[in-house]
Structure formats: C-alpha cells, structure tokens
Amino acid sequence: MTAGPPDARPAVPLRRLFLLTVVTAAIAFAFQAALAATGAPSADAISLLVIPVAAAAVIFLGLRPYPVIGRLRLAMMAAVALFIVGLGL
C-alpha cells in the first residue's frame, strides 16, 4: 500500500456557478413572462411545477465535471427549494 496524493476532485469554477444561476433565473423570468402574456388559466400551477424542473435540468446539465449523484442531489435540492418558494412558505 503506497501513500500517494489523494485523487483530485472535479472542481467547478465560481464563474460557472454564477452563470448557471443567471441562466436559471433568466429561464424562470422568461417562463413567468410568457405565462403572464398568454393569460394561461392555470398559470400558478404550471409555474409551480415547470420552473423547478427547468432549474433542476439547467443545474444537472451545467455541472458536467461533477459525478452524476452529486449533480442529481444538487438539482433536486434546487428544485425542492424553488417549489417551496413557489408555494410561498
């Protein structure tokens, strides 16, 4: 058993995390604006479900260097957080 340096973990630069935040917010605002402009009858329910899923997809696909489990966990945490914010709790 040799003692070597530990395996390097993939690192995501802060710039990429900031860009993912901006892209997620832009998608959410665009989706809300489209729902408001069209006057969808159930816009609240649609936005409550679709915006967290879209945010989770952006985060999952944008964090490629991370392992799948880590990306999935972070995407689910973001989706649940946006769902709770959408409920107004």
PDB file of N, CA and C in Angstrom:
ATOM      1  N   MET A   1       0.843  -1.156   0.000  1.00  0.00           N
ATOM      2  CA  MET A   1       0.000   0.000   0.000  1.00  0.00           C
ATOM      3  C   MET A   1       0.900   1.234   0.000  1.00  0.00           C
ATOM      4  N   THR A   2       0.788   2.026  -1.060  1.00  0.00           N
ATOM      5  CA  THR A   2       1.608   3.228  -1.157  1.00  0.00           C
ATOM      6  C   THR A   2       0.768   4.442  -0.823  1.00  0.00           C
ATOM      7  N   ALA A   3       1.409   5.359  -0.183  1.00  0.00           N
ATOM      8  CA  ALA A   3       0.722   6.596   0.197  1.00  0.00           C
ATOM      9  C   ALA A   3       1.020   7.653  -0.853  1.00  0.00           C
ATOM     10  N   GLY A   4       0.085   7.869  -1.709  1.00  0.00           N
ATOM     11  CA  GLY A   4       0.239   8.878  -2.751  1.00  0.00           C
ATOM     12  C   GLY A   4      -0.721  10.032  -2.513  1.00  0.00           C
ATOM     13  N   PRO A   5      -0.686  10.969  -3.384  1.00  0.00           N
ATOM     14  CA  PRO A   5      -1.607  12.092  -3.219  1.00  0.00           C
ATOM     15  C   PRO A   5      -3.051  11.636  -3.434  1.00  0.00           C
ATOM     16  N   PRO A   6      -3.973  12.240  -2.738  1.00  0.00           N
ATOM     17  CA  PRO A   6      -5.371  11.840  -2.902  1.00  0.00           C
ATOM     18  C   PRO A   6      -5.879  12.175  -4.304  1.00  0.00           C
ATOM     19  N   ASP A   7      -6.902  11.456  -4.717  1.00  0.00           N
ATOM     20  CA  ASP A   7      -7.495  11.706  -6.031  1.00  0.00           C
ATOM     21  C   ASP A   7      -8.055  13.124  -6.078  1.00  0.00           C
ATOM     22  N   ALA A   8      -7.838  13.758  -7.192  1.00  0.00           N
ATOM     23  CA  ALA A   8      -8.335  15.130  -7.352  1.00  0.00           C
ATOM     24  C   ALA A   8      -9.841  15.103  -7.625  1.00  0.00           C
ATOM     25  N   ARG A   9     -10.556  15.922  -6.896  1.00  0.00           N
ATOM     26  CA  ARG A   9     -11.996  16.039  -7.124  1.00  0.00           C
ATOM     27  C   ARG A   9     -12.243  17.040  -8.237  1.00  0.00           C
ATOM     28  N   PRO A  10     -13.252  16.809  -9.022  1.00  0.00           N
ATOM     29  CA  PRO A  10     -13.548  17.806 -10.046  1.00  0.00           C
ATOM     30  C   PRO A  10     -14.020  19.102  -9.396  1.00  0.00           C
ATOM     31  N   ALA A  11     -13.524  20.191  -9.879  1.00  0.00           N
ATOM     32  CA  ALA A  11     -13.881  21.488  -9.316  1.00  0.00           C
ATOM     33  C   ALA A  11     -14.634  22.303 -10.362  1.00  0.00           C
ATOM     34  N   VAL A  12     -15.671  22.956  -9.923  1.00  0.00           N
ATOM     35  CA  VAL A  12     -16.431  23.822 -10.806  1.00  0.00           C
ATOM     36  C   VAL A  12     -16.078  25.256 -10.447  1.00  0.00           C
ATOM     37  N   PRO A  13     -15.624  26.022 -11.416  1.00  0.00           N
ATOM     38  CA  PRO A  13     -15.247  27.394 -11.113  1.00  0.00           C
ATOM     39  C   PRO A  13     -16.460  28.225 -10.667  1.00  0.00           C
ATOM     40  N   LEU A  14     -16.180  29.225  -9.873  1.00  0.00           N
ATOM     41  CA  LEU A  14     -17.228  30.104  -9.372  1.00  0.00           C
ATOM     42  C   LEU A  14     -17.948  30.803 -10.520  1.00  0.00           C
ATOM     43  N   ARG A  15     -17.232  31.089 -11.584  1.00  0.00           N
ATOM     44  CA  ARG A  15     -17.830  31.736 -12.754  1.00  0.00           C
ATOM     45  C   ARG A  15     -18.941  30.865 -13.357  1.00  0.00           C
ATOM     46  N   ARG A  16     -18.708  29.563 -13.402  1.00  0.00           N
ATOM     47  CA  ARG A  16     -19.715  28.662 -13.962  1.00  0.00           C
ATOM     48  C   ARG A  16     -20.948  28.589 -13.063  1.00  0.00           C
ATOM     49  N   LEU A  17     -20.742  28.554 -11.758  1.00  0.00           N
ATOM     50  CA  LEU A  17     -21.882  28.535 -10.839  1.00  0.00           C
ATOM     51  C   LEU A  17     -22.702  29.816 -10.957  1.00  0.00           C
ATOM     52  N   PHE A  18     -22.011  30.950 -11.085  1.00  0.00           N
ATOM     53  CA  PHE A  18     -22.716  32.215 -11.266  1.00  0.00           C
ATOM     54  C   PHE A  18     -23.483  32.216 -12.579  1.00  0.00           C
ATOM     55  N   LEU A  19     -22.879  31.715 -13.642  1.00  0.00           N
ATOM     56  CA  LEU A  19     -23.553  31.661 -14.938  1.00  0.00           C
ATOM     57  C   LEU A  19     -24.775  30.752 -14.874  1.00  0.00           C
ATOM     58  N   LEU A  20     -24.687  29.622 -14.179  1.00  0.00           N
ATOM     59  CA  LEU A  20     -25.841  28.742 -14.024  1.00  0.00           C
ATOM     60  C   LEU A  20     -26.960  29.436 -13.264  1.00  0.00           C
ATOM     61  N   THR A  21     -26.602  30.235 -12.262  1.00  0.00           N
ATOM     62  CA  THR A  21     -27.607  30.985 -11.513  1.00  0.00           C
ATOM     63  C   THR A  21     -28.303  31.990 -12.409  1.00  0.00           C
ATOM     64  N   VAL A  22     -27.543  32.695 -13.224  1.00  0.00           N
ATOM     65  CA  VAL A  22     -28.119  33.694 -14.124  1.00  0.00           C
ATOM     66  C   VAL A  22     -28.999  33.026 -15.179  1.00  0.00           C
ATOM     67  N   VAL A  23     -28.541  31.924 -15.747  1.00  0.00           N
ATOM     68  CA  VAL A  23     -29.330  31.217 -16.768  1.00  0.00           C
ATOM     69  C   VAL A  23     -30.624  30.677 -16.166  1.00  0.00           C
ATOM     70  N   THR A  24     -30.545  30.117 -14.975  1.00  0.00           N
ATOM     71  CA  THR A  24     -31.745  29.597 -14.316  1.00  0.00           C
ATOM     72  C   THR A  24     -32.742  30.713 -14.035  1.00  0.00           C
ATOM     73  N   ALA A  25     -32.261  31.832 -13.539  1.00  0.00           N
ATOM     74  CA  ALA A  25     -33.152  32.966 -13.270  1.00  0.00           C
ATOM     75  C   ALA A  25     -33.759  33.507 -14.555  1.00  0.00           C
ATOM     76  N   ALA A  26     -32.978  33.571 -15.621  1.00  0.00           N
ATOM     77  CA  ALA A  26     -33.494  34.071 -16.902  1.00  0.00           C
ATOM     78  C   ALA A  26     -34.582  33.149 -17.452  1.00  0.00           C
ATOM     79  N   ILE A  27     -34.389  31.864 -17.331  1.00  0.00           N
ATOM     80  CA  ILE A  27     -35.412  30.916 -17.801  1.00  0.00           C
ATOM     81  C   ILE A  27     -36.683  31.060 -16.967  1.00  0.00           C
ATOM     82  N   ALA A  28     -36.536  31.196 -15.665  1.00  0.00           N
ATOM     83  CA  ALA A  28     -37.714  31.343 -14.802  1.00  0.00           C
ATOM     84  C   ALA A  28     -38.469  32.631 -15.108  1.00  0.00           C
ATOM     85  N   PHE A  29     -37.752  33.743 -15.267  1.00  0.00           N
ATOM     86  CA  PHE A  29     -38.414  35.007 -15.582  1.00  0.00           C
ATOM     87  C   PHE A  29     -39.075  34.973 -16.952  1.00  0.00           C
ATOM     88  N   ALA A  30     -38.399  34.381 -17.932  1.00  0.00           N
ATOM     89  CA  ALA A  30     -38.985  34.286 -19.274  1.00  0.00           C
ATOM     90  C   ALA A  30     -40.243  33.427 -19.258  1.00  0.00           C
ATOM     91  N   PHE A  31     -40.201  32.341 -18.510  1.00  0.00           N
ATOM     92  CA  PHE A  31     -41.361  31.467 -18.439  1.00  0.00           C
ATOM     93  C   PHE A  31     -42.534  32.164 -17.751  1.00  0.00           C
ATOM     94  N   GLN A  32     -42.243  32.890 -16.660  1.00  0.00           N
ATOM     95  CA  GLN A  32     -43.299  33.636 -15.965  1.00  0.00           C
ATOM     96  C   GLN A  32     -43.882  34.714 -16.870  1.00  0.00           C
ATOM     97  N   ALA A  33     -43.023  35.387 -17.630  1.00  0.00           N
ATOM     98  CA  ALA A  33     -43.498  36.433 -18.537  1.00  0.00           C
ATOM     99  C   ALA A  33     -44.359  35.851 -19.649  1.00  0.00           C
ATOM    100  N   ALA A  34     -43.967  34.691 -20.162  1.00  0.00           N
ATOM    101  CA  ALA A  34     -44.765  34.045 -21.204  1.00  0.00           C
ATOM    102  C   ALA A  34     -46.125  33.616 -20.659  1.00  0.00           C
ATOM    103  N   LEU A  35     -46.158  33.103 -19.445  1.00  0.00           N
ATOM    104  CA  LEU A  35     -47.441  32.724 -18.848  1.00  0.00           C
ATOM    105  C   LEU A  35     -48.319  33.944 -18.591  1.00  0.00           C
ATOM    106  N   ALA A  36     -47.728  35.033 -18.156  1.00  0.00           N
ATOM    107  CA  ALA A  36     -48.498  36.247 -17.907  1.00  0.00           C
ATOM    108  C   ALA A  36     -49.015  36.856 -19.214  1.00  0.00           C
ATOM    109  N   ALA A  37     -48.205  36.802 -20.259  1.00  0.00           N
ATOM    110  CA  ALA A  37     -48.603  37.389 -21.537  1.00  0.00           C
ATOM    111  C   ALA A  37     -49.721  36.601 -22.200  1.00  0.00           C
ATOM    112  N   THR A  38     -49.695  35.283 -22.049  1.00  0.00           N
ATOM    113  CA  THR A  38     -50.721  34.459 -22.688  1.00  0.00           C
ATOM    114  C   THR A  38     -51.987  34.363 -21.858  1.00  0.00           C
ATOM    115  N   GLY A  39     -51.884  34.683 -20.580  1.00  0.00           N
ATOM    116  CA  GLY A  39     -53.066  34.592 -19.713  1.00  0.00           C
ATOM    117  C   GLY A  39     -53.535  33.167 -19.518  1.00  0.00           C
ATOM    118  N   ALA A  40     -52.604  32.280 -19.291  1.00  0.00           N
ATOM    119  CA  ALA A  40     -52.934  30.868 -19.102  1.00  0.00           C
ATOM    120  C   ALA A  40     -53.875  30.707 -17.905  1.00  0.00           C
ATOM    121  N   PRO A  41     -54.902  29.862 -18.043  1.00  0.00           N
ATOM    122  CA  PRO A  41     -55.887  29.728 -16.958  1.00  0.00           C
ATOM    123  C   PRO A  41     -55.304  29.144 -15.665  1.00  0.00           C
ATOM    124  N   SER A  42     -54.363  28.271 -15.762  1.00  0.00           N
ATOM    125  CA  SER A  42     -53.778  27.680 -14.556  1.00  0.00           C
ATOM    126  C   SER A  42     -52.285  28.004 -14.496  1.00  0.00           C
ATOM    127  N   ALA A  43     -51.946  29.275 -14.648  1.00  0.00           N
ATOM    128  CA  ALA A  43     -50.547  29.703 -14.708  1.00  0.00           C
ATOM    129  C   ALA A  43     -49.815  29.425 -13.398  1.00  0.00           C
ATOM    130  N   ASP A  44     -50.509  29.556 -12.272  1.00  0.00           N
ATOM    131  CA  ASP A  44     -49.845  29.318 -10.990  1.00  0.00           C
ATOM    132  C   ASP A  44     -49.411  27.864 -10.842  1.00  0.00           C
ATOM    133  N   ALA A  45     -50.287  26.961 -11.195  1.00  0.00           N
ATOM    134  CA  ALA A  45     -49.947  25.538 -11.083  1.00  0.00           C
ATOM    135  C   ALA A  45     -48.860  25.148 -12.077  1.00  0.00           C
ATOM    136  N   ILE A  46     -48.926  25.699 -13.272  1.00  0.00           N
ATOM    137  CA  ILE A  46     -47.914  25.380 -14.278  1.00  0.00           C
ATOM    138  C   ILE A  46     -46.552  25.886 -13.831  1.00  0.00           C
ATOM    139  N   SER A  47     -46.493  27.127 -13.364  1.00  0.00           N
ATOM    140  CA  SER A  47     -45.202  27.676 -12.952  1.00  0.00           C
ATOM    141  C   SER A  47     -44.677  26.985 -11.696  1.00  0.00           C
ATOM    142  N   LEU A  48     -45.566  26.540 -10.846  1.00  0.00           N
ATOM    143  CA  LEU A  48     -45.147  25.849  -9.625  1.00  0.00           C
ATOM    144  C   LEU A  48     -44.454  24.529  -9.942  1.00  0.00           C
ATOM    145  N   LEU A  49     -44.820  23.910 -11.033  1.00  0.00           N
ATOM    146  CA  LEU A  49     -44.235  22.620 -11.397  1.00  0.00           C
ATOM    147  C   LEU A  49     -43.109  22.727 -12.419  1.00  0.00           C
ATOM    148  N   VAL A  50     -43.260  23.597 -13.402  1.00  0.00           N
ATOM    149  CA  VAL A  50     -42.311  23.616 -14.516  1.00  0.00           C
ATOM    150  C   VAL A  50     -41.032  24.372 -14.173  1.00  0.00           C
ATOM    151  N   ILE A  51     -41.133  25.473 -13.455  1.00  0.00           N
ATOM    152  CA  ILE A  51     -39.939  26.260 -13.156  1.00  0.00           C
ATOM    153  C   ILE A  51     -38.941  25.468 -12.303  1.00  0.00           C
ATOM    154  N   PRO A  52     -39.346  24.767 -11.245  1.00  0.00           N
ATOM    155  CA  PRO A  52     -38.353  23.961 -10.523  1.00  0.00           C
ATOM    156  C   PRO A  52     -37.733  22.845 -11.370  1.00  0.00           C
ATOM    157  N   VAL A  53     -38.525  22.243 -12.244  1.00  0.00           N
ATOM    158  CA  VAL A  53     -37.980  21.186 -13.112  1.00  0.00           C
ATOM    159  C   VAL A  53     -36.980  21.774 -14.103  1.00  0.00           C
ATOM    160  N   ALA A  54     -37.293  22.942 -14.664  1.00  0.00           N
ATOM    161  CA  ALA A  54     -36.363  23.590 -15.594  1.00  0.00           C
ATOM    162  C   ALA A  54     -35.071  23.991 -14.885  1.00  0.00           C
ATOM    163  N   ALA A  55     -35.188  24.509 -13.682  1.00  0.00           N
ATOM    164  CA  ALA A  55     -33.995  24.887 -12.923  1.00  0.00           C
ATOM    165  C   ALA A  55     -33.142  23.664 -12.602  1.00  0.00           C
ATOM    166  N   ALA A  56     -33.789  22.574 -12.224  1.00  0.00           N
ATOM    167  CA  ALA A  56     -33.050  21.345 -11.936  1.00  0.00           C
ATOM    168  C   ALA A  56     -32.336  20.830 -13.183  1.00  0.00           C
ATOM    169  N   ALA A  57     -32.981  20.934 -14.335  1.00  0.00           N
ATOM    170  CA  ALA A  57     -32.358  20.483 -15.576  1.00  0.00           C
ATOM    171  C   ALA A  57     -31.148  21.340 -15.930  1.00  0.00           C
ATOM    172  N   VAL A  58     -31.257  22.654 -15.744  1.00  0.00           N
ATOM    173  CA  VAL A  58     -30.124  23.538 -16.031  1.00  0.00           C
ATOM    174  C   VAL A  58     -28.955  23.210 -15.114  1.00  0.00           C
ATOM    175  N   ILE A  59     -29.225  23.011 -13.846  1.00  0.00           N
ATOM    176  CA  ILE A  59     -28.160  22.700 -12.898  1.00  0.00           C
ATOM    177  C   ILE A  59     -27.563  21.330 -13.186  1.00  0.00           C
ATOM    178  N   PHE A  60     -28.402  20.354 -13.463  1.00  0.00           N
ATOM    179  CA  PHE A  60     -27.904  19.000 -13.724  1.00  0.00           C
ATOM    180  C   PHE A  60     -27.021  18.973 -14.970  1.00  0.00           C
ATOM    181  N   LEU A  61     -27.454  19.640 -16.017  1.00  0.00           N
ATOM    182  CA  LEU A  61     -26.685  19.614 -17.260  1.00  0.00           C
ATOM    183  C   LEU A  61     -25.496  20.564 -17.233  1.00  0.00           C
ATOM    184  N   GLY A  62     -25.561  21.601 -16.421  1.00  0.00           N
ATOM    185  CA  GLY A  62     -24.483  22.574 -16.396  1.00  0.00           C
ATOM    186  C   GLY A  62     -23.294  22.178 -15.550  1.00  0.00           C
ATOM    187  N   LEU A  63     -23.452  21.235 -14.672  1.00  0.00           N
ATOM    188  CA  LEU A  63     -22.358  20.815 -13.794  1.00  0.00           C
ATOM    189  C   LEU A  63     -21.748  19.502 -14.267  1.00  0.00           C
ATOM    190  N   ARG A  64     -21.322  19.454 -15.493  1.00  0.00           N
ATOM    191  CA  ARG A  64     -20.779  18.228 -16.080  1.00  0.00           C
ATOM    192  C   ARG A  64     -19.584  17.628 -15.355  1.00  0.00           C
ATOM    193  N   PRO A  65     -18.620  18.392 -14.826  1.00  0.00           N
ATOM    194  CA  PRO A  65     -17.463  17.735 -14.211  1.00  0.00           C
ATOM    195  C   PRO A  65     -17.799  16.938 -12.948  1.00  0.00           C
ATOM    196  N   TYR A  66     -18.899  17.240 -12.305  1.00  0.00           N
ATOM    197  CA  TYR A  66     -19.260  16.520 -11.086  1.00  0.00           C
ATOM    198  C   TYR A  66     -19.804  15.135 -11.411  1.00  0.00           C
ATOM    199  N   PRO A  67     -19.715  14.204 -10.467  1.00  0.00           N
ATOM    200  CA  PRO A  67     -20.334  12.890 -10.668  1.00  0.00           C
ATOM    201  C   PRO A  67     -21.863  13.032 -10.750  1.00  0.00           C
ATOM    202  N   VAL A  68     -22.489  12.055 -11.350  1.00  0.00           N
ATOM    203  CA  VAL A  68     -23.930  12.108 -11.586  1.00  0.00           C
ATOM    204  C   VAL A  68     -24.717  12.223 -10.277  1.00  0.00           C
ATOM    205  N   ILE A  69     -24.319  11.504  -9.266  1.00  0.00           N
ATOM    206  CA  ILE A  69     -25.043  11.542  -7.995  1.00  0.00           C
ATOM    207  C   ILE A  69     -24.994  12.939  -7.379  1.00  0.00           C
ATOM    208  N   GLY A  70     -23.840  13.585  -7.419  1.00  0.00           N
ATOM    209  CA  GLY A  70     -23.717  14.934  -6.873  1.00  0.00           C
ATOM    210  C   GLY A  70     -24.545  15.937  -7.646  1.00  0.00           C
ATOM    211  N   ARG A  71     -24.539  15.810  -8.986  1.00  0.00           N
ATOM    212  CA  ARG A  71     -25.353  16.717  -9.802  1.00  0.00           C
ATOM    213  C   ARG A  71     -26.829  16.499  -9.551  1.00  0.00           C
ATOM    214  N   LEU A  72     -27.219  15.246  -9.414  1.00  0.00           N
ATOM    215  CA  LEU A  72     -28.622  14.933  -9.166  1.00  0.00           C
ATOM    216  C   LEU A  72     -29.070  15.469  -7.808  1.00  0.00           C
ATOM    217  N   ARG A  73     -28.218  15.318  -6.801  1.00  0.00           N
ATOM    218  CA  ARG A  73     -28.552  15.817  -5.467  1.00  0.00           C
ATOM    219  C   ARG A  73     -28.701  17.340  -5.465  1.00  0.00           C
ATOM    220  N   LEU A  74     -27.774  18.045  -6.116  1.00  0.00           N
ATOM    221  CA  LEU A  74     -27.846  19.499  -6.165  1.00  0.00           C
ATOM    222  C   LEU A  74     -29.056  19.965  -6.966  1.00  0.00           C
ATOM    223  N   ALA A  75     -29.357  19.281  -8.062  1.00  0.00           N
ATOM    224  CA  ALA A  75     -30.518  19.640  -8.871  1.00  0.00           C
ATOM    225  C   ALA A  75     -31.819  19.420  -8.098  1.00  0.00           C
ATOM    226  N   MET A  76     -31.895  18.337  -7.348  1.00  0.00           N
ATOM    227  CA  MET A  76     -33.106  18.075  -6.568  1.00  0.00           C
ATOM    228  C   MET A  76     -33.266  19.087  -5.436  1.00  0.00           C
ATOM    229  N   MET A  77     -32.160  19.469  -4.801  1.00  0.00           N
ATOM    230  CA  MET A  77     -32.241  20.478  -3.742  1.00  0.00           C
ATOM    231  C   MET A  77     -32.730  21.811  -4.300  1.00  0.00           C
ATOM    232  N   ALA A  78     -32.248  22.182  -5.481  1.00  0.00           N
ATOM    233  CA  ALA A  78     -32.695  23.434  -6.093  1.00  0.00           C
ATOM    234  C   ALA A  78     -34.164  23.354  -6.482  1.00  0.00           C
ATOM    235  N   ALA A  79     -34.590  22.219  -7.019  1.00  0.00           N
ATOM    236  CA  ALA A  79     -35.988  22.065  -7.419  1.00  0.00           C
ATOM    237  C   ALA A  79     -36.918  22.129  -6.217  1.00  0.00           C
ATOM    238  N   VAL A  80     -36.548  21.468  -5.143  1.00  0.00           N
ATOM    239  CA  VAL A  80     -37.377  21.493  -3.927  1.00  0.00           C
ATOM    240  C   VAL A  80     -37.416  22.896  -3.340  1.00  0.00           C
ATOM    241  N   ALA A  81     -36.275  23.591  -3.338  1.00  0.00           N
ATOM    242  CA  ALA A  81     -36.238  24.954  -2.810  1.00  0.00           C
ATOM    243  C   ALA A  81     -37.126  25.882  -3.634  1.00  0.00           C
ATOM    244  N   LEU A  82     -37.069  25.777  -4.952  1.00  0.00           N
ATOM    245  CA  LEU A  82     -37.913  26.627  -5.792  1.00  0.00           C
ATOM    246  C   LEU A  82     -39.386  26.263  -5.649  1.00  0.00           C
ATOM    247  N   PHE A  83     -39.681  25.004  -5.434  1.00  0.00           N
ATOM    248  CA  PHE A  83     -41.061  24.588  -5.226  1.00  0.00           C
ATOM    249  C   PHE A  83     -41.602  25.197  -3.923  1.00  0.00           C
ATOM    250  N   ILE A  84     -40.786  25.166  -2.868  1.00  0.00           N
ATOM    251  CA  ILE A  84     -41.205  25.742  -1.597  1.00  0.00           C
ATOM    252  C   ILE A  84     -41.371  27.254  -1.720  1.00  0.00           C
ATOM    253  N   VAL A  85     -40.470  27.907  -2.428  1.00  0.00           N
ATOM    254  CA  VAL A  85     -40.598  29.352  -2.649  1.00  0.00           C
ATOM    255  C   VAL A  85     -41.855  29.645  -3.455  1.00  0.00           C
ATOM    256  N   GLY A  86     -42.148  28.801  -4.427  1.00  0.00           N
ATOM    257  CA  GLY A  86     -43.356  28.980  -5.235  1.00  0.00           C
ATOM    258  C   GLY A  86     -44.632  28.814  -4.423  1.00  0.00           C
ATOM    259  N   LEU A  87     -44.583  27.961  -3.417  1.00  0.00           N
ATOM    260  CA  LEU A  87     -45.746  27.794  -2.545  1.00  0.00           C
ATOM    261  C   LEU A  87     -45.946  28.997  -1.634  1.00  0.00           C
ATOM    262  N   GLY A  88     -44.870  29.740  -1.421  1.00  0.00           N
ATOM    263  CA  GLY A  88     -44.958  30.919  -0.554  1.00  0.00           C
ATOM    264  C   GLY A  88     -44.773  30.598   0.903  1.00  0.00           C
ATOM    265  N   LEU A  89     -44.088  29.525   1.202  1.00  0.00           N
ATOM    266  CA  LEU A  89     -43.846  29.152   2.605  1.00  0.00           C
ATOM    267  C   LEU A  89     -42.629  29.808   3.164  1.00  0.00           C
TER     268      LEU A  89
END
